Amino acid sequence: MDNRESVFLKIKDFYRLNRNRAIKFVVTGGGGFLVSEAIITFGLILLGIGFFLAIEITANFLSVTFGFFVNDRWSTRNQGMHASKPLSVLINLMKFQLVYILGAAVSISVQYVLLHFDGISPILGNFAGSAIALVPNYFISMKLVWKIYVTRE
């Protein structure tokens, strides 16, 4: 077997191992995005622009928390390690929040570069940054939070 065939087989194996879980992870992320947008919209209507940062932080925390619980119960169901005690669930939630803080840094960096060097709208930059951050968010959270290996060891 030559090197190209080996790479193709590894990609095929990776796809087979992750397809369903990754699709659920992406759908859950979309749900989290909607949760975030709803909180931001209602927060700005109720509290005003003066509370923008507090609203953003709250929206981010709650949308990521939503994503954690949906991923824990749906995306990774019957796979990996799931906490059952409240303290263990809280620790896993904090790990997931940490992963998403790192993902947010990636996303914001992409937005910044696209805006300042290419003049691309922050809204489009947010989608691009989120898409790029999705990959490390998936890999790291699967391994760190649920102890799921996305490739064969």
C-alpha atoms as a PDB file:
ATOM      1  CA  MET A   1       0.000   0.000   0.000  1.00  0.00           C
ATOM      2  CA  ASP A   2       1.476   3.347  -0.988  1.00  0.00           C
ATOM      3  CA  ASN A   3       1.367   6.515   1.107  1.00  0.00           C
ATOM      4  CA  ARG A   4      -1.651   8.020  -0.725  1.00  0.00           C
ATOM      5  CA  GLU A   5      -3.733   4.898  -0.131  1.00  0.00           C
ATOM      6  CA  SER A   6      -2.749   4.956   3.534  1.00  0.00           C
ATOM      7  CA  VAL A   7      -3.803   8.608   3.902  1.00  0.00           C
ATOM      8  CA  PHE A   8      -7.085   7.908   2.099  1.00  0.00           C
ATOM      9  CA  LEU A   9      -7.817   4.976   4.431  1.00  0.00           C
ATOM     10  CA  LYS A  10      -7.080   7.118   7.487  1.00  0.00           C
ATOM     11  CA  ILE A  11      -9.430   9.852   6.261  1.00  0.00           C
ATOM     12  CA  LYS A  12     -12.112   7.271   5.502  1.00  0.00           C
ATOM     13  CA  ASP A  13     -11.693   5.742   8.979  1.00  0.00           C
ATOM     14  CA  PHE A  14     -11.805   9.184  10.629  1.00  0.00           C
ATOM     15  CA  TYR A  15     -14.995  10.017   8.723  1.00  0.00           C
ATOM     16  CA  ARG A  16     -16.618   6.723   9.710  1.00  0.00           C
ATOM     17  CA  LEU A  17     -15.695   7.161  13.386  1.00  0.00           C
ATOM     18  CA  ASN A  18     -16.934  10.761  13.641  1.00  0.00           C
ATOM     19  CA  ARG A  19     -19.666  11.402  11.060  1.00  0.00           C
ATOM     20  CA  ASN A  20     -22.798  11.056  13.195  1.00  0.00           C
ATOM     21  CA  ARG A  21     -21.319  12.551  16.345  1.00  0.00           C
ATOM     22  CA  ALA A  22     -19.813  15.497  14.444  1.00  0.00           C
ATOM     23  CA  ILE A  23     -23.112  16.245  12.693  1.00  0.00           C
ATOM     24  CA  LYS A  24     -24.874  16.284  16.071  1.00  0.00           C
ATOM     25  CA  PHE A  25     -22.094  18.495  17.467  1.00  0.00           C
ATOM     26  CA  VAL A  26     -22.593  20.999  14.616  1.00  0.00           C
ATOM     27  CA  VAL A  27     -26.398  20.968  15.024  1.00  0.00           C
ATOM     28  CA  THR A  28     -25.967  21.547  18.755  1.00  0.00           C
ATOM     29  CA  GLY A  29     -23.607  24.450  18.019  1.00  0.00           C
ATOM     30  CA  GLY A  30     -26.273  25.957  15.753  1.00  0.00           C
ATOM     31  CA  GLY A  31     -28.764  25.661  18.595  1.00  0.00           C
ATOM     32  CA  GLY A  32     -26.292  27.339  20.931  1.00  0.00           C
ATOM     33  CA  PHE A  33     -25.837  30.133  18.402  1.00  0.00           C
ATOM     34  CA  LEU A  34     -29.623  30.693  18.385  1.00  0.00           C
ATOM     35  CA  VAL A  35     -29.697  30.724  22.189  1.00  0.00           C
ATOM     36  CA  SER A  36     -26.914  33.308  22.196  1.00  0.00           C
ATOM     37  CA  GLU A  37     -28.593  35.506  19.582  1.00  0.00           C
ATOM     38  CA  ALA A  38     -31.909  35.403  21.484  1.00  0.00           C
ATOM     39  CA  ILE A  39     -30.251  36.418  24.754  1.00  0.00           C
ATOM     40  CA  ILE A  40     -28.334  39.230  23.044  1.00  0.00           C
ATOM     41  CA  THR A  41     -31.445  40.496  21.254  1.00  0.00           C
ATOM     42  CA  PHE A  42     -33.677  40.479  24.332  1.00  0.00           C
ATOM     43  CA  GLY A  43     -30.877  41.744  26.569  1.00  0.00           C
ATOM     44  CA  LEU A  44     -30.299  44.759  24.340  1.00  0.00           C
ATOM     45  CA  ILE A  45     -34.041  45.453  24.122  1.00  0.00           C
ATOM     46  CA  LEU A  46     -34.532  45.193  27.890  1.00  0.00           C
ATOM     47  CA  LEU A  47     -31.273  46.665  29.205  1.00  0.00           C
ATOM     48  CA  GLY A  48     -29.870  48.737  26.339  1.00  0.00           C
ATOM     49  CA  ILE A  49     -26.495  49.062  24.664  1.00  0.00           C
ATOM     50  CA  GLY A  50     -24.858  50.244  27.897  1.00  0.00           C
ATOM     51  CA  PHE A  51     -24.960  46.648  29.131  1.00  0.00           C
ATOM     52  CA  PHE A  52     -23.558  45.198  25.899  1.00  0.00           C
ATOM     53  CA  LEU A  53     -20.501  43.514  27.427  1.00  0.00           C
ATOM     54  CA  ALA A  54     -22.467  41.975  30.313  1.00  0.00           C
ATOM     55  CA  ILE A  55     -25.108  40.757  27.867  1.00  0.00           C
ATOM     56  CA  GLU A  56     -22.446  39.246  25.567  1.00  0.00           C
ATOM     57  CA  ILE A  57     -20.721  37.439  28.440  1.00  0.00           C
ATOM     58  CA  THR A  58     -24.032  36.117  29.754  1.00  0.00           C
ATOM     59  CA  ALA A  59     -25.146  35.013  26.278  1.00  0.00           C
ATOM     60  CA  ASN A  60     -21.844  33.248  25.655  1.00  0.00           C
ATOM     61  CA  PHE A  61     -21.855  31.447  28.991  1.00  0.00           C
ATOM     62  CA  LEU A  62     -25.481  30.315  28.679  1.00  0.00           C
ATOM     63  CA  SER A  63     -25.183  29.228  25.048  1.00  0.00           C
ATOM     64  CA  VAL A  64     -22.047  27.197  25.768  1.00  0.00           C
ATOM     65  CA  THR A  65     -23.761  25.684  28.831  1.00  0.00           C
ATOM     66  CA  PHE A  66     -26.710  24.757  26.605  1.00  0.00           C
ATOM     67  CA  GLY A  67     -24.259  23.184  24.138  1.00  0.00           C
ATOM     68  CA  PHE A  68     -22.547  21.192  26.866  1.00  0.00           C
ATOM     69  CA  PHE A  69     -25.750  19.599  28.136  1.00  0.00           C
ATOM     70  CA  VAL A  70     -27.092  18.823  24.658  1.00  0.00           C
ATOM     71  CA  ASN A  71     -23.756  17.347  23.566  1.00  0.00           C
ATOM     72  CA  ASP A  72     -23.537  15.373  26.801  1.00  0.00           C
ATOM     73  CA  ARG A  73     -27.021  13.890  26.405  1.00  0.00           C
ATOM     74  CA  TRP A  74     -27.282  13.626  22.612  1.00  0.00           C
ATOM     75  CA  SER A  75     -24.081  14.030  20.580  1.00  0.00           C
ATOM     76  CA  THR A  76     -21.913  11.800  22.774  1.00  0.00           C
ATOM     77  CA  ARG A  77     -24.630   9.533  24.178  1.00  0.00           C
ATOM     78  CA  ASN A  78     -23.370   5.993  24.807  1.00  0.00           C
ATOM     79  CA  GLN A  79     -19.812   7.088  23.989  1.00  0.00           C
ATOM     80  CA  GLY A  80     -16.954   8.152  26.198  1.00  0.00           C
ATOM     81  CA  MET A  81     -17.116   9.011  29.887  1.00  0.00           C
ATOM     82  CA  HIS A  82     -20.106  10.848  31.325  1.00  0.00           C
ATOM     83  CA  ALA A  83     -20.183  12.303  34.806  1.00  0.00           C
ATOM     84  CA  SER A  84     -23.025  11.298  37.105  1.00  0.00           C
ATOM     85  CA  LYS A  85     -22.234  13.215  40.301  1.00  0.00           C
ATOM     86  CA  PRO A  86     -23.057  16.949  40.375  1.00  0.00           C
ATOM     87  CA  LEU A  87     -19.464  18.005  41.107  1.00  0.00           C
ATOM     88  CA  SER A  88     -18.150  15.891  38.211  1.00  0.00           C
ATOM     89  CA  VAL A  89     -20.768  17.368  35.866  1.00  0.00           C
ATOM     90  CA  LEU A  90     -19.718  20.863  36.977  1.00  0.00           C
ATOM     91  CA  ILE A  91     -16.039  20.043  36.347  1.00  0.00           C
ATOM     92  CA  ASN A  92     -16.866  18.758  32.842  1.00  0.00           C
ATOM     93  CA  LEU A  93     -18.953  21.879  32.179  1.00  0.00           C
ATOM     94  CA  MET A  94     -16.020  24.088  33.195  1.00  0.00           C
ATOM     95  CA  LYS A  95     -13.702  22.093  30.894  1.00  0.00           C
ATOM     96  CA  PHE A  96     -16.178  22.620  28.039  1.00  0.00           C
ATOM     97  CA  GLN A  97     -16.391  26.343  28.850  1.00  0.00           C
ATOM     98  CA  LEU A  98     -12.581  26.540  28.783  1.00  0.00           C
ATOM     99  CA  VAL A  99     -12.428  24.846  25.379  1.00  0.00           C
ATOM    100  CA  TYR A 100     -14.963  27.342  24.057  1.00  0.00           C
ATOM    101  CA  ILE A 101     -13.052  30.308  25.466  1.00  0.00           C
ATOM    102  CA  LEU A 102     -10.087  29.108  23.407  1.00  0.00           C
ATOM    103  CA  GLY A 103     -12.388  28.620  20.408  1.00  0.00           C
ATOM    104  CA  ALA A 104     -13.741  32.138  20.873  1.00  0.00           C
ATOM    105  CA  ALA A 105     -10.172  33.462  20.780  1.00  0.00           C
ATOM    106  CA  VAL A 106      -9.653  31.689  17.449  1.00  0.00           C
ATOM    107  CA  SER A 107     -12.949  33.014  16.111  1.00  0.00           C
ATOM    108  CA  ILE A 108     -12.322  36.591  17.219  1.00  0.00           C
ATOM    109  CA  SER A 109      -8.801  36.490  15.765  1.00  0.00           C
ATOM    110  CA  VAL A 110     -10.180  35.405  12.399  1.00  0.00           C
ATOM    111  CA  GLN A 111     -12.825  38.154  12.564  1.00  0.00           C
ATOM    112  CA  TYR A 112     -10.162  40.742  13.365  1.00  0.00           C
ATOM    113  CA  VAL A 113      -7.872  39.685  10.523  1.00  0.00           C
ATOM    114  CA  LEU A 114     -10.706  39.566   7.984  1.00  0.00           C
ATOM    115  CA  LEU A 115     -12.041  42.956   9.046  1.00  0.00           C
ATOM    116  CA  HIS A 116      -8.764  44.845   9.285  1.00  0.00           C
ATOM    117  CA  PHE A 117      -6.885  43.321   6.377  1.00  0.00           C
ATOM    118  CA  ASP A 118      -9.684  42.473   3.956  1.00  0.00           C
ATOM    119  CA  GLY A 119     -12.507  44.788   5.062  1.00  0.00           C
ATOM    120  CA  ILE A 120     -14.897  41.858   5.559  1.00  0.00           C
ATOM    121  CA  SER A 121     -17.935  42.537   7.760  1.00  0.00           C
ATOM    122  CA  PRO A 122     -17.726  41.248  11.353  1.00  0.00           C
ATOM    123  CA  ILE A 123     -20.947  39.307  10.723  1.00  0.00           C
ATOM    124  CA  LEU A 124     -19.329  37.336   7.891  1.00  0.00           C
ATOM    125  CA  GLY A 125     -16.116  37.162   9.872  1.00  0.00           C
ATOM    126  CA  ASN A 126     -18.054  35.656  12.779  1.00  0.00           C
ATOM    127  CA  PHE A 127     -19.315  32.838  10.563  1.00  0.00           C
ATOM    128  CA  ALA A 128     -15.820  32.225   9.161  1.00  0.00           C
ATOM    129  CA  GLY A 129     -14.224  32.371  12.604  1.00  0.00           C
ATOM    130  CA  SER A 130     -16.844  30.066  14.072  1.00  0.00           C
ATOM    131  CA  ALA A 131     -16.342  27.555  11.258  1.00  0.00           C
ATOM    132  CA  ILE A 132     -12.584  27.553  11.819  1.00  0.00           C
ATOM    133  CA  ALA A 133     -12.986  27.309  15.616  1.00  0.00           C
ATOM    134  CA  LEU A 134     -15.381  24.372  15.201  1.00  0.00           C
ATOM    135  CA  VAL A 135     -12.555  21.971  14.353  1.00  0.00           C
ATOM    136  CA  PRO A 136     -10.404  22.542  17.452  1.00  0.00           C
ATOM    137  CA  ASN A 137     -13.533  22.826  19.634  1.00  0.00           C
ATOM    138  CA  TYR A 138     -14.676  19.400  18.449  1.00  0.00           C
ATOM    139  CA  PHE A 139     -11.314  17.646  18.792  1.00  0.00           C
ATOM    140  CA  ILE A 140     -10.402  19.135  22.163  1.00  0.00           C
ATOM    141  CA  SER A 141     -13.807  18.837  23.823  1.00  0.00           C
ATOM    142  CA  MET A 142     -14.239  15.228  22.717  1.00  0.00           C
ATOM    143  CA  LYS A 143     -10.926  14.264  24.277  1.00  0.00           C
ATOM    144  CA  LEU A 144     -10.832  16.591  27.304  1.00  0.00           C
ATOM    145  CA  VAL A 145     -14.478  16.442  28.403  1.00  0.00           C
ATOM    146  CA  TRP A 146     -15.736  13.007  27.286  1.00  0.00           C
ATOM    147  CA  LYS A 147     -12.467  11.085  26.783  1.00  0.00           C
ATOM    148  CA  ILE A 148     -13.513  10.172  23.230  1.00  0.00           C
ATOM    149  CA  TYR A 149     -10.691   9.614  20.783  1.00  0.00           C
ATOM    150  CA  VAL A 150     -11.661  10.897  17.340  1.00  0.00           C
ATOM    151  CA  THR A 151      -8.887   8.920  15.663  1.00  0.00           C
ATOM    152  CA  ARG A 152      -7.646   5.412  16.261  1.00  0.00           C
ATOM    153  CA  GLU A 153      -4.761   5.326  18.684  1.00  0.00           C
END
